[in-house]
PDB file of N, CA and C in Angstrom:
ATOM      1  N   UNK A   1       0.830  -1.184   0.030  1.00  0.00           N
ATOM      2  CA  UNK A   1       0.014  -0.025  -0.016  1.00  0.00           C
ATOM      3  C   UNK A   1       0.893   1.270  -0.024  1.00  0.00           C
ATOM      4  N   UNK A   2       0.568   2.182  -0.868  1.00  0.00           N
ATOM      5  CA  UNK A   2       1.388   3.390  -0.927  1.00  0.00           C
ATOM      6  C   UNK A   2       0.811   4.431   0.051  1.00  0.00           C
ATOM      7  N   UNK A   3       1.619   5.364   0.464  1.00  0.00           N
ATOM      8  CA  UNK A   3       1.186   6.454   1.302  1.00  0.00           C
ATOM      9  C   UNK A   3       0.103   7.195   0.580  1.00  0.00           C
ATOM     10  N   UNK A   4      -0.994   7.504   1.260  1.00  0.00           N
ATOM     11  CA  UNK A   4      -2.077   8.228   0.698  1.00  0.00           C
ATOM     12  C   UNK A   4      -3.213   7.321   0.206  1.00  0.00           C
ATOM     13  N   UNK A   5      -2.884   6.074   0.032  1.00  0.00           N
ATOM     14  CA  UNK A   5      -3.953   5.140  -0.392  1.00  0.00           C
ATOM     15  C   UNK A   5      -5.041   5.068   0.710  1.00  0.00           C
ATOM     16  N   UNK A   6      -6.287   4.916   0.301  1.00  0.00           N
ATOM     17  CA  UNK A   6      -7.381   4.821   1.207  1.00  0.00           C
ATOM     18  C   UNK A   6      -7.763   3.331   1.434  1.00  0.00           C
ATOM     19  N   UNK A   7      -8.148   3.033   2.673  1.00  0.00           N
ATOM     20  CA  UNK A   7      -8.669   1.669   2.935  1.00  0.00           C
ATOM     21  C   UNK A   7     -10.137   1.716   2.740  1.00  0.00           C
ATOM     22  N   UNK A   8     -10.675   0.606   2.155  1.00  0.00           N
ATOM     23  CA  UNK A   8     -12.070   0.481   1.968  1.00  0.00           C
ATOM     24  C   UNK A   8     -12.709  -0.114   3.249  1.00  0.00           C
ATOM     25  N   UNK A   9     -13.876   0.351   3.577  1.00  0.00           N
ATOM     26  CA  UNK A   9     -14.583  -0.183   4.723  1.00  0.00           C
ATOM     27  C   UNK A   9     -15.240  -1.553   4.315  1.00  0.00           C
ATOM     28  N   UNK A  10     -15.122  -2.492   5.179  1.00  0.00           N
ATOM     29  CA  UNK A  10     -15.754  -3.809   4.980  1.00  0.00           C
ATOM     30  C   UNK A  10     -16.832  -3.894   6.103  1.00  0.00           C
ATOM     31  N   UNK A  11     -18.099  -3.779   5.668  1.00  0.00           N
ATOM     32  CA  UNK A  11     -19.203  -3.731   6.627  1.00  0.00           C
ATOM     33  C   UNK A  11     -19.276  -4.970   7.463  1.00  0.00           C
ATOM     34  N   UNK A  12     -19.035  -6.211   6.903  1.00  0.00           N
ATOM     35  CA  UNK A  12     -19.076  -7.376   7.670  1.00  0.00           C
ATOM     36  C   UNK A  12     -17.953  -7.375   8.724  1.00  0.00           C
ATOM     37  N   UNK A  13     -16.777  -6.914   8.310  1.00  0.00           N
ATOM     38  CA  UNK A  13     -15.623  -6.817   9.216  1.00  0.00           C
ATOM     39  C   UNK A  13     -15.929  -5.832  10.334  1.00  0.00           C
ATOM     40  N   UNK A  14     -16.452  -4.740  10.015  1.00  0.00           N
ATOM     41  CA  UNK A  14     -16.803  -3.661  11.016  1.00  0.00           C
ATOM     42  C   UNK A  14     -17.799  -4.249  12.059  1.00  0.00           C
ATOM     43  N   UNK A  15     -18.744  -4.985  11.611  1.00  0.00           N
ATOM     44  CA  UNK A  15     -19.761  -5.560  12.424  1.00  0.00           C
ATOM     45  C   UNK A  15     -19.093  -6.588  13.386  1.00  0.00           C
ATOM     46  N   UNK A  16     -18.217  -7.411  12.841  1.00  0.00           N
ATOM     47  CA  UNK A  16     -17.490  -8.407  13.629  1.00  0.00           C
ATOM     48  C   UNK A  16     -16.688  -7.754  14.672  1.00  0.00           C
ATOM     49  N   UNK A  17     -15.965  -6.706  14.337  1.00  0.00           N
ATOM     50  CA  UNK A  17     -15.142  -5.982  15.330  1.00  0.00           C
ATOM     51  C   UNK A  17     -16.053  -5.362  16.388  1.00  0.00           C
ATOM     52  N   UNK A  18     -17.164  -4.842  16.026  1.00  0.00           N
ATOM     53  CA  UNK A  18     -18.085  -4.301  16.998  1.00  0.00           C
ATOM     54  C   UNK A  18     -18.495  -5.383  18.000  1.00  0.00           C
ATOM     55  N   UNK A  19     -18.821  -6.595  17.455  1.00  0.00           N
ATOM     56  CA  UNK A  19     -19.194  -7.702  18.298  1.00  0.00           C
ATOM     57  C   UNK A  19     -18.062  -8.089  19.249  1.00  0.00           C
ATOM     58  N   UNK A  20     -16.880  -8.083  18.795  1.00  0.00           N
ATOM     59  CA  UNK A  20     -15.714  -8.387  19.610  1.00  0.00           C
ATOM     60  C   UNK A  20     -15.601  -7.377  20.747  1.00  0.00           C
ATOM     61  N   UNK A  21     -15.642  -6.159  20.414  1.00  0.00           N
ATOM     62  CA  UNK A  21     -15.661  -5.054  21.462  1.00  0.00           C
ATOM     63  C   UNK A  21     -16.722  -5.239  22.454  1.00  0.00           C
ATOM     64  N   UNK A  22     -17.920  -5.469  22.000  1.00  0.00           N
ATOM     65  CA  UNK A  22     -19.051  -5.590  22.959  1.00  0.00           C
ATOM     66  C   UNK A  22     -18.803  -6.766  23.857  1.00  0.00           C
ATOM     67  N   UNK A  23     -18.359  -7.878  23.382  1.00  0.00           N
ATOM     68  CA  UNK A  23     -18.092  -8.998  24.307  1.00  0.00           C
ATOM     69  C   UNK A  23     -16.898  -8.692  25.287  1.00  0.00           C
ATOM     70  N   UNK A  24     -15.938  -8.066  24.835  1.00  0.00           N
ATOM     71  CA  UNK A  24     -14.837  -7.737  25.686  1.00  0.00           C
ATOM     72  C   UNK A  24     -15.322  -6.723  26.759  1.00  0.00           C
ATOM     73  N   UNK A  25     -16.033  -5.797  26.496  1.00  0.00           N
ATOM     74  CA  UNK A  25     -16.574  -4.815  27.444  1.00  0.00           C
ATOM     75  C   UNK A  25     -17.599  -5.523  28.393  1.00  0.00           C
ATOM     76  N   UNK A  26     -18.149  -6.662  28.040  1.00  0.00           N
ATOM     77  CA  UNK A  26     -19.123  -7.408  28.852  1.00  0.00           C
ATOM     78  C   UNK A  26     -18.343  -8.323  29.746  1.00  0.00           C
ATOM     79  N   UNK A  27     -16.944  -8.329  29.609  1.00  0.00           N
ATOM     80  CA  UNK A  27     -16.161  -9.119  30.535  1.00  0.00           C
ATOM     81  C   UNK A  27     -15.715 -10.473  29.982  1.00  0.00           C
ATOM     82  N   UNK A  28     -15.958 -10.741  28.748  1.00  0.00           N
ATOM     83  CA  UNK A  28     -15.502 -11.986  28.188  1.00  0.00           C
ATOM     84  C   UNK A  28     -13.958 -11.957  28.033  1.00  0.00           C
ATOM     85  N   UNK A  29     -13.359 -13.134  28.258  1.00  0.00           N
ATOM     86  CA  UNK A  29     -11.967 -13.233  28.121  1.00  0.00           C
ATOM     87  C   UNK A  29     -11.588 -13.294  26.647  1.00  0.00           C
ATOM     88  N   UNK A  30     -10.331 -13.002  26.303  1.00  0.00           N
ATOM     89  CA  UNK A  30      -9.854 -13.098  24.979  1.00  0.00           C
ATOM     90  C   UNK A  30     -10.034 -14.478  24.441  1.00  0.00           C
ATOM     91  N   UNK A  31      -9.769 -15.511  25.204  1.00  0.00           N
ATOM     92  CA  UNK A  31      -9.843 -16.902  24.806  1.00  0.00           C
ATOM     93  C   UNK A  31     -11.338 -17.289  24.567  1.00  0.00           C
ATOM     94  N   UNK A  32     -12.268 -16.763  25.333  1.00  0.00           N
ATOM     95  CA  UNK A  32     -13.681 -17.060  25.125  1.00  0.00           C
ATOM     96  C   UNK A  32     -14.222 -16.418  23.878  1.00  0.00           C
ATOM     97  N   UNK A  33     -13.714 -15.199  23.618  1.00  0.00           N
ATOM     98  CA  UNK A  33     -14.110 -14.510  22.373  1.00  0.00           C
ATOM     99  C   UNK A  33     -13.554 -15.299  21.186  1.00  0.00           C
ATOM    100  N   UNK A  34     -12.290 -15.776  21.217  1.00  0.00           N
ATOM    101  CA  UNK A  34     -11.701 -16.509  20.128  1.00  0.00           C
ATOM    102  C   UNK A  34     -12.565 -17.802  19.921  1.00  0.00           C
ATOM    103  N   UNK A  35     -12.961 -18.505  20.960  1.00  0.00           N
ATOM    104  CA  UNK A  35     -13.774 -19.687  20.905  1.00  0.00           C
ATOM    105  C   UNK A  35     -15.089 -19.393  20.258  1.00  0.00           C
ATOM    106  N   UNK A  36     -15.737 -18.264  20.556  1.00  0.00           N
ATOM    107  CA  UNK A  36     -17.009 -17.828  20.012  1.00  0.00           C
ATOM    108  C   UNK A  36     -16.828 -17.648  18.488  1.00  0.00           C
ATOM    109  N   UNK A  37     -15.794 -16.876  18.136  1.00  0.00           N
ATOM    110  CA  UNK A  37     -15.509 -16.554  16.741  1.00  0.00           C
ATOM    111  C   UNK A  37     -15.316 -17.823  15.929  1.00  0.00           C
ATOM    112  N   UNK A  38     -14.577 -18.755  16.462  1.00  0.00           N
ATOM    113  CA  UNK A  38     -14.347 -20.022  15.806  1.00  0.00           C
ATOM    114  C   UNK A  38     -15.662 -20.842  15.635  1.00  0.00           C
ATOM    115  N   UNK A  39     -16.465 -20.738  16.616  1.00  0.00           N
ATOM    116  CA  UNK A  39     -17.800 -21.366  16.657  1.00  0.00           C
ATOM    117  C   UNK A  39     -18.734 -20.801  15.568  1.00  0.00           C
ATOM    118  N   UNK A  40     -18.626 -19.491  15.293  1.00  0.00           N
ATOM    119  CA  UNK A  40     -19.404 -18.874  14.214  1.00  0.00           C
ATOM    120  C   UNK A  40     -19.008 -19.092  12.890  1.00  0.00           C
ATOM    121  N   UNK A  41     -17.660 -19.593  12.780  1.00  0.00           N
ATOM    122  CA  UNK A  41     -17.114 -19.811  11.415  1.00  0.00           C
ATOM    123  C   UNK A  41     -16.539 -18.591  10.842  1.00  0.00           C
ATOM    124  N   UNK A  42     -16.445 -17.485  11.607  1.00  0.00           N
ATOM    125  CA  UNK A  42     -15.888 -16.281  11.114  1.00  0.00           C
ATOM    126  C   UNK A  42     -14.346 -16.411  10.898  1.00  0.00           C
ATOM    127  N   UNK A  43     -13.845 -16.223   9.637  1.00  0.00           N
ATOM    128  CA  UNK A  43     -12.451 -16.377   9.381  1.00  0.00           C
ATOM    129  C   UNK A  43     -11.646 -15.132   9.802  1.00  0.00           C
ATOM    130  N   UNK A  44     -10.372 -15.437  10.052  1.00  0.00           N
ATOM    131  CA  UNK A  44      -9.478 -14.306  10.276  1.00  0.00           C
ATOM    132  C   UNK A  44      -9.107 -13.676   8.953  1.00  0.00           C
ATOM    133  N   UNK A  45      -8.337 -12.557   8.875  1.00  0.00           N
ATOM    134  CA  UNK A  45      -7.921 -11.994   7.626  1.00  0.00           C
ATOM    135  C   UNK A  45      -7.184 -13.029   6.716  1.00  0.00           C
ATOM    136  N   UNK A  46      -6.436 -13.935   7.346  1.00  0.00           N
ATOM    137  CA  UNK A  46      -5.725 -14.860   6.591  1.00  0.00           C
ATOM    138  C   UNK A  46      -6.491 -16.166   6.462  1.00  0.00           C
ATOM    139  N   UNK A  47      -7.714 -16.246   6.837  1.00  0.00           N
ATOM    140  CA  UNK A  47      -8.569 -17.373   6.661  1.00  0.00           C
ATOM    141  C   UNK A  47      -8.390 -18.458   7.707  1.00  0.00           C
ATOM    142  N   UNK A  48      -7.632 -18.189   8.738  1.00  0.00           N
ATOM    143  CA  UNK A  48      -7.377 -19.205   9.826  1.00  0.00           C
ATOM    144  C   UNK A  48      -8.323 -19.160  10.977  1.00  0.00           C
ATOM    145  N   UNK A  49      -7.952 -19.864  11.991  1.00  0.00           N
ATOM    146  CA  UNK A  49      -8.633 -19.895  13.260  1.00  0.00           C
ATOM    147  C   UNK A  49      -8.300 -18.678  14.145  1.00  0.00           C
ATOM    148  N   UNK A  50      -9.218 -18.371  15.019  1.00  0.00           N
ATOM    149  CA  UNK A  50      -9.021 -17.287  15.970  1.00  0.00           C
ATOM    150  C   UNK A  50      -8.310 -17.851  17.196  1.00  0.00           C
ATOM    151  N   UNK A  51      -7.413 -17.008  17.733  1.00  0.00           N
ATOM    152  CA  UNK A  51      -6.711 -17.292  19.017  1.00  0.00           C
ATOM    153  C   UNK A  51      -6.848 -16.014  19.819  1.00  0.00           C
ATOM    154  N   UNK A  52      -6.597 -16.179  21.154  1.00  0.00           N
ATOM    155  CA  UNK A  52      -6.570 -14.991  22.046  1.00  0.00           C
ATOM    156  C   UNK A  52      -5.716 -13.849  21.478  1.00  0.00           C
ATOM    157  N   UNK A  53      -4.595 -14.253  21.017  1.00  0.00           N
ATOM    158  CA  UNK A  53      -3.620 -13.190  20.562  1.00  0.00           C
ATOM    159  C   UNK A  53      -4.163 -12.508  19.319  1.00  0.00           C
ATOM    160  N   UNK A  54      -4.910 -13.186  18.516  1.00  0.00           N
ATOM    161  CA  UNK A  54      -5.533 -12.495  17.332  1.00  0.00           C
ATOM    162  C   UNK A  54      -6.607 -11.563  17.747  1.00  0.00           C
ATOM    163  N   UNK A  55      -7.424 -11.923  18.765  1.00  0.00           N
ATOM    164  CA  UNK A  55      -8.468 -11.035  19.324  1.00  0.00           C
ATOM    165  C   UNK A  55      -7.767  -9.827  19.885  1.00  0.00           C
ATOM    166  N   UNK A  56      -6.699 -10.031  20.693  1.00  0.00           N
ATOM    167  CA  UNK A  56      -6.000  -8.876  21.275  1.00  0.00           C
ATOM    168  C   UNK A  56      -5.488  -7.990  20.211  1.00  0.00           C
ATOM    169  N   UNK A  57      -4.943  -8.461  19.154  1.00  0.00           N
ATOM    170  CA  UNK A  57      -4.412  -7.701  18.038  1.00  0.00           C
ATOM    171  C   UNK A  57      -5.567  -6.791  17.475  1.00  0.00           C
ATOM    172  N   UNK A  58      -6.748  -7.352  17.227  1.00  0.00           N
ATOM    173  CA  UNK A  58      -7.853  -6.616  16.669  1.00  0.00           C
ATOM    174  C   UNK A  58      -8.185  -5.490  17.620  1.00  0.00           C
ATOM    175  N   UNK A  59      -8.323  -5.854  18.890  1.00  0.00           N
ATOM    176  CA  UNK A  59      -8.722  -4.796  19.931  1.00  0.00           C
ATOM    177  C   UNK A  59      -7.685  -3.681  20.131  1.00  0.00           C
ATOM    178  N   UNK A  60      -6.416  -3.925  19.813  1.00  0.00           N
ATOM    179  CA  UNK A  60      -5.368  -2.972  20.027  1.00  0.00           C
ATOM    180  C   UNK A  60      -4.957  -2.202  18.693  1.00  0.00           C
ATOM    181  N   UNK A  61      -5.438  -2.736  17.617  1.00  0.00           N
ATOM    182  CA  UNK A  61      -5.084  -2.131  16.302  1.00  0.00           C
ATOM    183  C   UNK A  61      -5.932  -0.949  16.028  1.00  0.00           C
ATOM    184  N   UNK A  62      -5.268   0.224  15.757  1.00  0.00           N
ATOM    185  CA  UNK A  62      -6.114   1.426  15.484  1.00  0.00           C
ATOM    186  C   UNK A  62      -6.912   1.341  14.176  1.00  0.00           C
ATOM    187  N   UNK A  63      -6.483   0.520  13.333  1.00  0.00           N
ATOM    188  CA  UNK A  63      -7.272   0.366  11.975  1.00  0.00           C
ATOM    189  C   UNK A  63      -8.705  -0.272  12.251  1.00  0.00           C
ATOM    190  N   UNK A  64      -8.793  -1.029  13.391  1.00  0.00           N
ATOM    191  CA  UNK A  64     -10.068  -1.625  13.663  1.00  0.00           C
ATOM    192  C   UNK A  64     -10.953  -0.837  14.706  1.00  0.00           C
ATOM    193  N   UNK A  65     -10.252   0.069  15.378  1.00  0.00           N
ATOM    194  CA  UNK A  65     -10.886   0.796  16.493  1.00  0.00           C
ATOM    195  C   UNK A  65     -11.421   2.183  16.024  1.00  0.00           C
TER     196      UNK A  65
END
């Protein structure tokens, strides 16, 4: 990506991130959120399984917040 390029919003991704934030604010652990995401079949950006570290990355990454 070049400087000045714009990122496109992905409505499904935004909704998923909002769900992750809601569950974290409700007191869910990162591991429990990852288990929930895997249970829903929601893929990660790379198409893999969710782990607590992946959930933490999403919550801490300013692109998602």
